[in-house]
Amino acid sequence: MQFDAKVNVTELTGSETFVHLDHHGDTWVGLIHGVHDLKPGTALPVYLDPVHVYIFTEAGDLVAPASYALAA
């Protein structure tokens, strides 16, 4: 699955970067290997691999990995 999103914030954590994205008012957080200093407002194509996607409630509770939904 692919969609476009805009960068809100990047968090450099050494060897990885957390990218906070906005997609039509919804916030997504991605983890990218390596150091990437992306400027706020930068448009990015986002590709989702169900093996690496996890779904949480608004309270932060893990619902399930998306790969479980595909298997069902």
PDB file of N, CA and C in Angstrom:
ATOM      1  N   MET A   1       0.839  -1.170   0.000  1.00  0.00           N
ATOM      2  CA  MET A   1       0.000   0.000   0.000  1.00  0.00           C
ATOM      3  C   MET A   1       0.892   1.245   0.000  1.00  0.00           C
ATOM      4  N   GLN A   2       0.486   2.253  -0.753  1.00  0.00           N
ATOM      5  CA  GLN A   2       1.251   3.496  -0.820  1.00  0.00           C
ATOM      6  C   GLN A   2       0.316   4.681  -0.643  1.00  0.00           C
ATOM      7  N   PHE A   3       0.804   5.713   0.056  1.00  0.00           N
ATOM      8  CA  PHE A   3       0.099   6.987   0.140  1.00  0.00           C
ATOM      9  C   PHE A   3       1.132   8.088   0.340  1.00  0.00           C
ATOM     10  N   ASP A   4       0.720   9.329   0.125  1.00  0.00           N
ATOM     11  CA  ASP A   4       1.613  10.474   0.333  1.00  0.00           C
ATOM     12  C   ASP A   4       1.300  11.125   1.669  1.00  0.00           C
ATOM     13  N   ALA A   5       2.324  11.594   2.347  1.00  0.00           N
ATOM     14  CA  ALA A   5       2.171  12.267   3.640  1.00  0.00           C
ATOM     15  C   ALA A   5       3.191  13.394   3.722  1.00  0.00           C
ATOM     16  N   LYS A   6       2.970  14.310   4.666  1.00  0.00           N
ATOM     17  CA  LYS A   6       3.900  15.418   4.876  1.00  0.00           C
ATOM     18  C   LYS A   6       4.594  15.260   6.224  1.00  0.00           C
ATOM     19  N   VAL A   7       5.864  15.598   6.253  1.00  0.00           N
ATOM     20  CA  VAL A   7       6.674  15.498   7.465  1.00  0.00           C
ATOM     21  C   VAL A   7       6.252  16.588   8.451  1.00  0.00           C
ATOM     22  N   ASN A   8       5.989  16.187   9.694  1.00  0.00           N
ATOM     23  CA  ASN A   8       5.773  17.147  10.782  1.00  0.00           C
ATOM     24  C   ASN A   8       7.070  17.374  11.545  1.00  0.00           C
ATOM     25  N   VAL A   9       7.706  16.268  11.967  1.00  0.00           N
ATOM     26  CA  VAL A   9       8.908  16.323  12.808  1.00  0.00           C
ATOM     27  C   VAL A   9       9.763  15.105  12.498  1.00  0.00           C
ATOM     28  N   THR A  10      11.090  15.277  12.579  1.00  0.00           N
ATOM     29  CA  THR A  10      11.988  14.125  12.555  1.00  0.00           C
ATOM     30  C   THR A  10      12.738  14.071  13.875  1.00  0.00           C
ATOM     31  N   GLU A  11      12.952  12.863  14.375  1.00  0.00           N
ATOM     32  CA  GLU A  11      13.707  12.642  15.614  1.00  0.00           C
ATOM     33  C   GLU A  11      14.914  11.783  15.268  1.00  0.00           C
ATOM     34  N   LEU A  12      16.090  12.365  15.329  1.00  0.00           N
ATOM     35  CA  LEU A  12      17.316  11.621  15.063  1.00  0.00           C
ATOM     36  C   LEU A  12      17.741  10.915  16.343  1.00  0.00           C
ATOM     37  N   THR A  13      17.903   9.599  16.279  1.00  0.00           N
ATOM     38  CA  THR A  13      18.226   8.825  17.475  1.00  0.00           C
ATOM     39  C   THR A  13      19.539   8.072  17.341  1.00  0.00           C
ATOM     40  N   GLY A  14      20.422   8.580  16.531  1.00  0.00           N
ATOM     41  CA  GLY A  14      21.696   7.890  16.325  1.00  0.00           C
ATOM     42  C   GLY A  14      21.682   7.193  14.992  1.00  0.00           C
ATOM     43  N   SER A  15      21.462   5.897  14.991  1.00  0.00           N
ATOM     44  CA  SER A  15      21.489   5.133  13.743  1.00  0.00           C
ATOM     45  C   SER A  15      20.121   5.024  13.084  1.00  0.00           C
ATOM     46  N   GLU A  16      19.080   5.598  13.709  1.00  0.00           N
ATOM     47  CA  GLU A  16      17.722   5.539  13.163  1.00  0.00           C
ATOM     48  C   GLU A  16      17.053   6.903  13.278  1.00  0.00           C
ATOM     49  N   THR A  17      16.012   7.096  12.490  1.00  0.00           N
ATOM     50  CA  THR A  17      15.251   8.343  12.508  1.00  0.00           C
ATOM     51  C   THR A  17      13.772   8.020  12.621  1.00  0.00           C
ATOM     52  N   PHE A  18      13.108   8.630  13.596  1.00  0.00           N
ATOM     53  CA  PHE A  18      11.652   8.554  13.672  1.00  0.00           C
ATOM     54  C   PHE A  18      11.095   9.725  12.880  1.00  0.00           C
ATOM     55  N   VAL A  19      10.134   9.462  12.008  1.00  0.00           N
ATOM     56  CA  VAL A  19       9.511  10.503  11.198  1.00  0.00           C
ATOM     57  C   VAL A  19       8.039  10.563  11.562  1.00  0.00           C
ATOM     58  N   HIS A  20       7.594  11.728  12.024  1.00  0.00           N
ATOM     59  CA  HIS A  20       6.184  11.957  12.348  1.00  0.00           C
ATOM     60  C   HIS A  20       5.548  12.591  11.117  1.00  0.00           C
ATOM     61  N   LEU A  21       4.508  11.959  10.603  1.00  0.00           N
ATOM     62  CA  LEU A  21       3.897  12.362   9.340  1.00  0.00           C
ATOM     63  C   LEU A  21       2.435  12.736   9.522  1.00  0.00           C
ATOM     64  N   ASP A  22       1.949  13.604   8.641  1.00  0.00           N
ATOM     65  CA  ASP A  22       0.530  13.961   8.597  1.00  0.00           C
ATOM     66  C   ASP A  22      -0.045  13.458   7.278  1.00  0.00           C
ATOM     67  N   HIS A  23      -1.137  12.704   7.385  1.00  0.00           N
ATOM     68  CA  HIS A  23      -1.858  12.219   6.201  1.00  0.00           C
ATOM     69  C   HIS A  23      -3.332  12.566   6.398  1.00  0.00           C
ATOM     70  N   HIS A  24      -3.766  13.659   5.791  1.00  0.00           N
ATOM     71  CA  HIS A  24      -5.161  14.129   5.888  1.00  0.00           C
ATOM     72  C   HIS A  24      -5.618  14.262   7.343  1.00  0.00           C
ATOM     73  N   GLY A  25      -4.757  14.822   8.192  1.00  0.00           N
ATOM     74  CA  GLY A  25      -5.113  15.047   9.589  1.00  0.00           C
ATOM     75  C   GLY A  25      -4.811  13.895  10.524  1.00  0.00           C
ATOM     76  N   ASP A  26      -4.427  12.745   9.982  1.00  0.00           N
ATOM     77  CA  ASP A  26      -4.040  11.599  10.813  1.00  0.00           C
ATOM     78  C   ASP A  26      -2.531  11.597  10.965  1.00  0.00           C
ATOM     79  N   THR A  27      -2.060  11.264  12.166  1.00  0.00           N
ATOM     80  CA  THR A  27      -0.628  11.228  12.435  1.00  0.00           C
ATOM     81  C   THR A  27      -0.118   9.797  12.310  1.00  0.00           C
ATOM     82  N   TRP A  28       0.975   9.654  11.580  1.00  0.00           N
ATOM     83  CA  TRP A  28       1.661   8.376  11.429  1.00  0.00           C
ATOM     84  C   TRP A  28       3.087   8.578  11.921  1.00  0.00           C
ATOM     85  N   VAL A  29       3.673   7.540  12.514  1.00  0.00           N
ATOM     86  CA  VAL A  29       5.070   7.591  12.935  1.00  0.00           C
ATOM     87  C   VAL A  29       5.795   6.443  12.256  1.00  0.00           C
ATOM     88  N   GLY A  30       6.881   6.784  11.580  1.00  0.00           N
ATOM     89  CA  GLY A  30       7.668   5.776  10.893  1.00  0.00           C
ATOM     90  C   GLY A  30       9.086   5.738  11.424  1.00  0.00           C
ATOM     91  N   LEU A  31       9.722   4.609  11.272  1.00  0.00           N
ATOM     92  CA  LEU A  31      11.114   4.422  11.676  1.00  0.00           C
ATOM     93  C   LEU A  31      11.927   4.149  10.421  1.00  0.00           C
ATOM     94  N   ILE A  32      12.957   4.966  10.202  1.00  0.00           N
ATOM     95  CA  ILE A  32      13.827   4.814   9.039  1.00  0.00           C
ATOM     96  C   ILE A  32      15.231   4.525   9.543  1.00  0.00           C
ATOM     97  N   HIS A  33      15.867   3.516   8.990  1.00  0.00           N
ATOM     98  CA  HIS A  33      17.250   3.222   9.353  1.00  0.00           C
ATOM     99  C   HIS A  33      18.156   4.289   8.750  1.00  0.00           C
ATOM    100  N   GLY A  34      19.093   4.758   9.518  1.00  0.00           N
ATOM    101  CA  GLY A  34      20.004   5.798   9.076  1.00  0.00           C
ATOM    102  C   GLY A  34      19.566   7.159   9.589  1.00  0.00           C
ATOM    103  N   VAL A  35      20.393   8.162   9.329  1.00  0.00           N
ATOM    104  CA  VAL A  35      20.128   9.524   9.778  1.00  0.00           C
ATOM    105  C   VAL A  35      19.526  10.308   8.612  1.00  0.00           C
ATOM    106  N   HIS A  36      18.304  10.818   8.810  1.00  0.00           N
ATOM    107  CA  HIS A  36      17.603  11.563   7.772  1.00  0.00           C
ATOM    108  C   HIS A  36      17.024  12.832   8.403  1.00  0.00           C
ATOM    109  N   ASP A  37      17.568  13.973   8.051  1.00  0.00           N
ATOM    110  CA  ASP A  37      17.087  15.246   8.582  1.00  0.00           C
ATOM    111  C   ASP A  37      16.092  15.833   7.585  1.00  0.00           C
ATOM    112  N   LEU A  38      14.843  15.406   7.670  1.00  0.00           N
ATOM    113  CA  LEU A  38      13.797  15.849   6.747  1.00  0.00           C
ATOM    114  C   LEU A  38      13.133  17.106   7.289  1.00  0.00           C
ATOM    115  N   LYS A  39      12.944  18.076   6.448  1.00  0.00           N
ATOM    116  CA  LYS A  39      12.364  19.355   6.852  1.00  0.00           C
ATOM    117  C   LYS A  39      10.846  19.235   6.984  1.00  0.00           C
ATOM    118  N   PRO A  40      10.242  19.897   7.995  1.00  0.00           N
ATOM    119  CA  PRO A  40       8.785  19.916   8.122  1.00  0.00           C
ATOM    120  C   PRO A  40       8.134  20.417   6.831  1.00  0.00           C
ATOM    121  N   GLY A  41       7.053  19.760   6.451  1.00  0.00           N
ATOM    122  CA  GLY A  41       6.334  20.119   5.232  1.00  0.00           C
ATOM    123  C   GLY A  41       6.774  19.345   4.011  1.00  0.00           C
ATOM    124  N   THR A  42       7.898  18.607   4.123  1.00  0.00           N
ATOM    125  CA  THR A  42       8.373  17.805   2.999  1.00  0.00           C
ATOM    126  C   THR A  42       7.355  16.711   2.692  1.00  0.00           C
ATOM    127  N   ALA A  43       6.980  16.580   1.431  1.00  0.00           N
ATOM    128  CA  ALA A  43       6.053  15.521   1.015  1.00  0.00           C
ATOM    129  C   ALA A  43       6.853  14.240   0.774  1.00  0.00           C
ATOM    130  N   LEU A  44       6.348  13.138   1.310  1.00  0.00           N
ATOM    131  CA  LEU A  44       7.011  11.845   1.145  1.00  0.00           C
ATOM    132  C   LEU A  44       6.024  10.797   0.670  1.00  0.00           C
ATOM    133  N   PRO A  45       6.446   9.917  -0.239  1.00  0.00           N
ATOM    134  CA  PRO A  45       5.633   8.744  -0.524  1.00  0.00           C
ATOM    135  C   PRO A  45       5.884   7.725   0.596  1.00  0.00           C
ATOM    136  N   VAL A  46       4.837   7.133   1.112  1.00  0.00           N
ATOM    137  CA  VAL A  46       4.940   6.161   2.202  1.00  0.00           C
ATOM    138  C   VAL A  46       4.477   4.811   1.675  1.00  0.00           C
ATOM    139  N   TYR A  47       5.285   3.796   1.885  1.00  0.00           N
ATOM    140  CA  TYR A  47       4.955   2.442   1.478  1.00  0.00           C
ATOM    141  C   TYR A  47       4.813   1.597   2.736  1.00  0.00           C
ATOM    142  N   LEU A  48       3.690   0.910   2.865  1.00  0.00           N
ATOM    143  CA  LEU A  48       3.448   0.094   4.055  1.00  0.00           C
ATOM    144  C   LEU A  48       3.644  -1.381   3.751  1.00  0.00           C
ATOM    145  N   ASP A  49       4.456  -2.014   4.564  1.00  0.00           N
ATOM    146  CA  ASP A  49       4.658  -3.457   4.504  1.00  0.00           C
ATOM    147  C   ASP A  49       3.916  -4.043   5.698  1.00  0.00           C
ATOM    148  N   PRO A  50       2.868  -4.832   5.479  1.00  0.00           N
ATOM    149  CA  PRO A  50       2.068  -5.347   6.600  1.00  0.00           C
ATOM    150  C   PRO A  50       2.861  -6.095   7.660  1.00  0.00           C
ATOM    151  N   VAL A  51       4.003  -6.634   7.292  1.00  0.00           N
ATOM    152  CA  VAL A  51       4.834  -7.350   8.264  1.00  0.00           C
ATOM    153  C   VAL A  51       5.406  -6.388   9.301  1.00  0.00           C
ATOM    154  N   HIS A  52       5.543  -5.103   8.936  1.00  0.00           N
ATOM    155  CA  HIS A  52       6.174  -4.134   9.821  1.00  0.00           C
ATOM    156  C   HIS A  52       5.226  -3.031  10.281  1.00  0.00           C
ATOM    157  N   VAL A  53       3.916  -3.230  10.160  1.00  0.00           N
ATOM    158  CA  VAL A  53       2.932  -2.236  10.581  1.00  0.00           C
ATOM    159  C   VAL A  53       2.215  -2.748  11.817  1.00  0.00           C
ATOM    160  N   TYR A  54       2.097  -1.891  12.827  1.00  0.00           N
ATOM    161  CA  TYR A  54       1.379  -2.224  14.047  1.00  0.00           C
ATOM    162  C   TYR A  54       0.270  -1.218  14.250  1.00  0.00           C
ATOM    163  N   ILE A  55      -0.873  -1.671  14.721  1.00  0.00           N
ATOM    164  CA  ILE A  55      -2.049  -0.821  14.887  1.00  0.00           C
ATOM    165  C   ILE A  55      -2.298  -0.609  16.375  1.00  0.00           C
ATOM    166  N   PHE A  56      -2.471   0.678  16.769  1.00  0.00           N
ATOM    167  CA  PHE A  56      -2.694   1.041  18.161  1.00  0.00           C
ATOM    168  C   PHE A  56      -4.010   1.797  18.305  1.00  0.00           C
ATOM    169  N   THR A  57      -4.605   1.743  19.489  1.00  0.00           N
ATOM    170  CA  THR A  57      -5.764   2.566  19.795  1.00  0.00           C
ATOM    171  C   THR A  57      -5.276   3.968  20.140  1.00  0.00           C
ATOM    172  N   GLU A  58      -6.202   4.921  20.283  1.00  0.00           N
ATOM    173  CA  GLU A  58      -5.816   6.285  20.654  1.00  0.00           C
ATOM    174  C   GLU A  58      -5.150   6.318  22.025  1.00  0.00           C
ATOM    175  N   ALA A  59      -5.477   5.367  22.886  1.00  0.00           N
ATOM    176  CA  ALA A  59      -4.880   5.303  24.221  1.00  0.00           C
ATOM    177  C   ALA A  59      -3.469   4.719  24.188  1.00  0.00           C
ATOM    178  N   GLY A  60      -3.052   4.226  23.017  1.00  0.00           N
ATOM    179  CA  GLY A  60      -1.713   3.668  22.894  1.00  0.00           C
ATOM    180  C   GLY A  60      -1.642   2.168  23.084  1.00  0.00           C
ATOM    181  N   ASP A  61      -2.799   1.510  23.183  1.00  0.00           N
ATOM    182  CA  ASP A  61      -2.822   0.060  23.343  1.00  0.00           C
ATOM    183  C   ASP A  61      -2.627  -0.622  21.990  1.00  0.00           C
ATOM    184  N   LEU A  62      -1.777  -1.636  21.953  1.00  0.00           N
ATOM    185  CA  LEU A  62      -1.544  -2.378  20.719  1.00  0.00           C
ATOM    186  C   LEU A  62      -2.763  -3.222  20.399  1.00  0.00           C
ATOM    187  N   VAL A  63      -3.294  -3.049  19.200  1.00  0.00           N
ATOM    188  CA  VAL A  63      -4.421  -3.870  18.756  1.00  0.00           C
ATOM    189  C   VAL A  63      -3.862  -5.157  18.168  1.00  0.00           C
ATOM    190  N   ALA A  64      -3.022  -5.026  17.148  1.00  0.00           N
ATOM    191  CA  ALA A  64      -2.424  -6.194  16.512  1.00  0.00           C
ATOM    192  C   ALA A  64      -1.489  -5.753  15.415  1.00  0.00           C
ATOM    193  N   PRO A  65      -0.519  -6.593  15.082  1.00  0.00           N
ATOM    194  CA  PRO A  65       0.232  -6.313  13.864  1.00  0.00           C
ATOM    195  C   PRO A  65      -0.706  -6.425  12.668  1.00  0.00           C
ATOM    196  N   ALA A  66      -0.541  -5.582  11.674  1.00  0.00           N
ATOM    197  CA  ALA A  66      -1.408  -5.606  10.493  1.00  0.00           C
ATOM    198  C   ALA A  66      -1.308  -6.936   9.767  1.00  0.00           C
ATOM    199  N   SER A  67      -0.178  -7.618   9.885  1.00  0.00           N
ATOM    200  CA  SER A  67      -0.027  -8.912   9.203  1.00  0.00           C
ATOM    201  C   SER A  67      -1.037  -9.940   9.723  1.00  0.00           C
ATOM    202  N   TYR A  68      -1.479  -9.805  10.995  1.00  0.00           N
ATOM    203  CA  TYR A  68      -2.517 -10.691  11.522  1.00  0.00           C
ATOM    204  C   TYR A  68      -3.817 -10.477  10.788  1.00  0.00           C
ATOM    205  N   ALA A  69      -4.152  -9.229  10.476  1.00  0.00           N
ATOM    206  CA  ALA A  69      -5.396  -8.931   9.767  1.00  0.00           C
ATOM    207  C   ALA A  69      -5.349  -9.534   8.365  1.00  0.00           C
ATOM    208  N   LEU A  70      -4.197  -9.488   7.711  1.00  0.00           N
ATOM    209  CA  LEU A  70      -4.072 -10.074   6.378  1.00  0.00           C
ATOM    210  C   LEU A  70      -4.245 -11.581   6.435  1.00  0.00           C
ATOM    211  N   ALA A  71      -3.689 -12.215   7.461  1.00  0.00           N
ATOM    212  CA  ALA A  71      -3.798 -13.657   7.592  1.00  0.00           C
ATOM    213  C   ALA A  71      -5.243 -14.090   7.848  1.00  0.00           C
ATOM    214  N   ALA A  72      -5.996 -13.258   8.572  1.00  0.00           N
ATOM    215  CA  ALA A  72      -7.392 -13.590   8.874  1.00  0.00           C
ATOM    216  C   ALA A  72      -8.214 -13.441   7.628  1.00  0.00           C
TER     217      ALA A  72
END
